[in-house]
Amino acid sequence: MAVGRLSGAWIHQVIAEVYPEGVLRRTLLDHFAVLLVSKRSSTGAKGRLARRLYGRLLRLQRKGLITQEEGLLRSQAVTKKSQEVPPELGPTLERLLFKALLAEDGQGEGHTPQSLLEARRDFISRAMEAGWTLAQAASLLGVQAPQAAWILGQR
């Protein structure tokens, strides 16, 4: 599998040109999997591709090139620099964000609404412990701040 060829510029181009109205993250993953994962690829190749894709999408989102809301990705027409940049993701937060995105896309083990809620709650609470605001954590997950507050209140 040639996952190394998956660049941010290519991802942004596909989102902007192939899916101008927006695309679900899962559909985008399937789009790239058709191109990069063959039947001869080793086990777990699509999962490794998902990890690489979600990392690139995060970078594009932080640069202001794409927006994400409830798993729907859209290309921004104008590049904007955000005044309030969230702190860097550490390895723990990156892993929790990846798990939340996988749960939202319905992949991995135990993809139930309850597991999605737990994965989102874990990410938001850890991000807030690391000094993030609720709005910053919510924006990376692609949810609104009131919904993130509701997620935190669910036990």
Protein backbone atom coordinates (compact mmCIF):
# COMPACT_ATOMS: atom_id res chain seq x y z
CA MET A 1 0.00 0.00 0.00
CA ALA A 2 1.38 3.38 -0.95
CA VAL A 3 -0.05 5.46 1.87
CA GLY A 4 3.00 7.71 1.76
CA ARG A 5 1.56 9.35 -1.35
CA LEU A 6 -1.45 10.66 0.57
CA SER A 7 -0.69 14.37 0.82
CA GLY A 8 -2.71 17.24 2.23
CA ALA A 9 -2.72 18.97 -1.15
CA TRP A 10 -4.19 15.88 -2.82
CA ILE A 11 -6.85 15.48 -0.13
CA HIS A 12 -7.80 19.15 -0.39
CA GLN A 13 -7.98 18.90 -4.17
CA VAL A 14 -10.27 15.86 -4.01
CA ILE A 15 -12.57 17.55 -1.50
CA ALA A 16 -12.71 20.76 -3.54
CA GLU A 17 -13.06 19.25 -7.02
CA VAL A 18 -14.72 15.85 -6.64
CA TYR A 19 -16.99 16.77 -3.72
CA PRO A 20 -17.66 20.54 -3.99
CA GLU A 21 -20.84 20.26 -1.87
CA GLY A 22 -19.01 18.41 0.89
CA VAL A 23 -18.25 14.80 1.66
CA LEU A 24 -18.64 12.50 4.62
CA ARG A 25 -15.34 11.50 6.17
CA ARG A 26 -16.19 7.80 5.70
CA THR A 27 -16.91 8.35 1.99
CA LEU A 28 -13.60 10.16 1.59
CA LEU A 29 -11.81 7.27 3.31
CA ASP A 30 -13.51 4.81 0.95
CA HIS A 31 -12.51 7.01 -2.03
CA PHE A 32 -8.83 6.86 -1.09
CA ALA A 33 -9.02 3.18 -0.07
CA VAL A 34 -10.16 2.25 -3.58
CA LEU A 35 -7.09 4.02 -4.95
CA LEU A 36 -4.47 3.02 -2.38
CA VAL A 37 -5.49 -0.33 -0.86
CA SER A 38 -5.31 -3.39 -3.05
CA LYS A 39 -6.48 -6.93 -2.38
CA ARG A 40 -2.84 -7.85 -1.88
CA SER A 41 -2.35 -5.25 0.87
CA SER A 42 -1.64 -6.52 4.33
CA THR A 43 -4.29 -6.82 7.01
CA GLY A 44 -5.15 -3.48 8.57
CA ALA A 45 -4.13 -1.42 5.55
CA LYS A 46 -7.41 0.51 5.52
CA GLY A 47 -7.02 1.30 9.25
CA ARG A 48 -3.52 2.65 8.64
CA LEU A 49 -4.89 4.67 5.75
CA ALA A 50 -7.62 6.04 8.05
CA ARG A 51 -5.02 7.11 10.61
CA ARG A 52 -3.00 8.91 7.93
CA LEU A 53 -6.09 10.50 6.36
CA TYR A 54 -7.50 11.74 9.69
CA GLY A 55 -4.13 13.27 10.56
CA ARG A 56 -3.98 15.10 7.24
CA LEU A 57 -7.58 16.28 7.63
CA LEU A 58 -6.74 17.64 11.07
CA ARG A 59 -3.83 19.63 9.63
CA LEU A 60 -6.01 20.98 6.81
CA GLN A 61 -8.67 21.97 9.31
CA ARG A 62 -6.15 23.75 11.52
CA LYS A 63 -4.83 25.65 8.48
CA GLY A 64 -8.38 26.74 7.67
CA LEU A 65 -8.52 24.98 4.30
CA ILE A 66 -11.44 22.73 5.22
CA THR A 67 -14.28 22.77 7.72
CA GLN A 68 -15.80 19.79 9.45
CA GLU A 69 -19.22 19.49 11.01
CA GLU A 70 -20.72 16.17 12.10
CA GLY A 71 -18.35 14.26 9.84
CA LEU A 72 -19.13 16.36 6.75
CA LEU A 73 -16.02 17.91 5.22
CA ARG A 74 -16.14 21.03 3.05
CA SER A 75 -13.43 22.97 1.33
CA GLN A 76 -13.07 26.62 2.29
CA ALA A 77 -13.03 29.00 -0.68
CA VAL A 78 -10.77 31.49 1.07
CA THR A 79 -7.92 30.54 3.34
CA LYS A 80 -8.46 32.06 6.77
CA LYS A 81 -6.08 32.19 9.69
CA SER A 82 -7.85 31.61 12.95
CA GLN A 83 -7.02 34.04 15.73
CA GLU A 84 -7.46 31.39 18.40
CA VAL A 85 -5.40 28.33 17.55
CA PRO A 86 -5.90 25.36 19.87
CA PRO A 87 -2.85 23.93 21.63
CA GLU A 88 -0.97 21.13 19.92
CA LEU A 89 -2.33 17.62 20.18
CA GLY A 90 -0.21 15.31 22.24
CA PRO A 91 -0.09 11.59 21.54
CA THR A 92 -2.87 10.85 24.04
CA LEU A 93 -5.25 13.45 22.64
CA GLU A 94 -4.44 12.42 19.08
CA ARG A 95 -5.30 8.80 19.92
CA LEU A 96 -8.56 9.82 21.62
CA LEU A 97 -9.51 12.04 18.67
CA PHE A 98 -8.79 9.18 16.26
CA LYS A 99 -10.99 6.83 18.30
CA ALA A 100 -13.82 9.39 18.36
CA LEU A 101 -13.60 9.88 14.59
CA LEU A 102 -13.57 6.12 14.00
CA ALA A 103 -16.61 5.69 16.25
CA GLU A 104 -18.40 8.48 14.36
CA ASP A 105 -17.63 6.81 11.04
CA GLY A 106 -18.91 3.47 12.34
CA GLN A 107 -15.61 1.63 12.12
CA GLY A 108 -13.74 -0.41 14.64
CA GLU A 109 -15.12 -2.50 17.44
CA GLY A 110 -18.35 -1.66 19.21
CA HIS A 111 -19.56 1.16 16.99
CA THR A 112 -22.76 1.96 18.87
CA PRO A 113 -24.25 5.35 19.73
CA GLN A 114 -23.11 4.79 23.32
CA SER A 115 -19.51 4.12 22.24
CA LEU A 116 -19.58 7.28 20.09
CA LEU A 117 -20.79 9.30 23.07
CA GLU A 118 -18.08 7.82 25.31
CA ALA A 119 -15.32 8.40 22.76
CA ARG A 120 -16.37 12.01 22.26
CA ARG A 121 -16.66 12.57 26.02
CA ASP A 122 -13.20 11.09 26.60
CA PHE A 123 -11.64 13.40 24.02
CA ILE A 124 -13.43 16.55 25.20
CA SER A 125 -12.68 15.95 28.87
CA ARG A 126 -8.99 15.16 28.27
CA ALA A 127 -8.64 18.18 25.97
CA MET A 128 -10.12 20.45 28.63
CA GLU A 129 -7.76 18.96 31.22
CA ALA A 130 -4.90 19.84 28.85
CA GLY A 131 -5.98 23.50 28.77
CA TRP A 132 -8.25 23.58 25.74
CA THR A 133 -11.53 25.44 25.74
CA LEU A 134 -14.77 23.61 25.15
CA ALA A 135 -15.18 25.37 21.79
CA GLN A 136 -11.69 24.33 20.63
CA ALA A 137 -12.29 20.67 21.49
CA ALA A 138 -15.75 20.75 19.92
CA SER A 139 -14.45 22.26 16.68
CA LEU A 140 -11.91 19.46 16.20
CA LEU A 141 -14.66 16.90 16.69
CA GLY A 142 -16.91 18.77 14.28
CA VAL A 143 -19.67 19.50 16.80
CA GLN A 144 -21.04 22.75 18.18
CA ALA A 145 -20.06 23.93 21.68
CA PRO A 146 -23.58 23.42 23.15
CA GLN A 147 -23.59 19.84 21.89
CA ALA A 148 -20.13 19.29 23.38
CA ALA A 149 -21.40 20.61 26.73
CA TRP A 150 -24.31 18.17 26.51
CA ILE A 151 -21.90 15.31 25.74
CA LEU A 152 -19.86 16.15 28.83
CA GLY A 153 -23.02 16.15 30.96
CA GLN A 154 -23.99 12.62 29.92
CA ARG A 155 -22.82 9.89 32.27
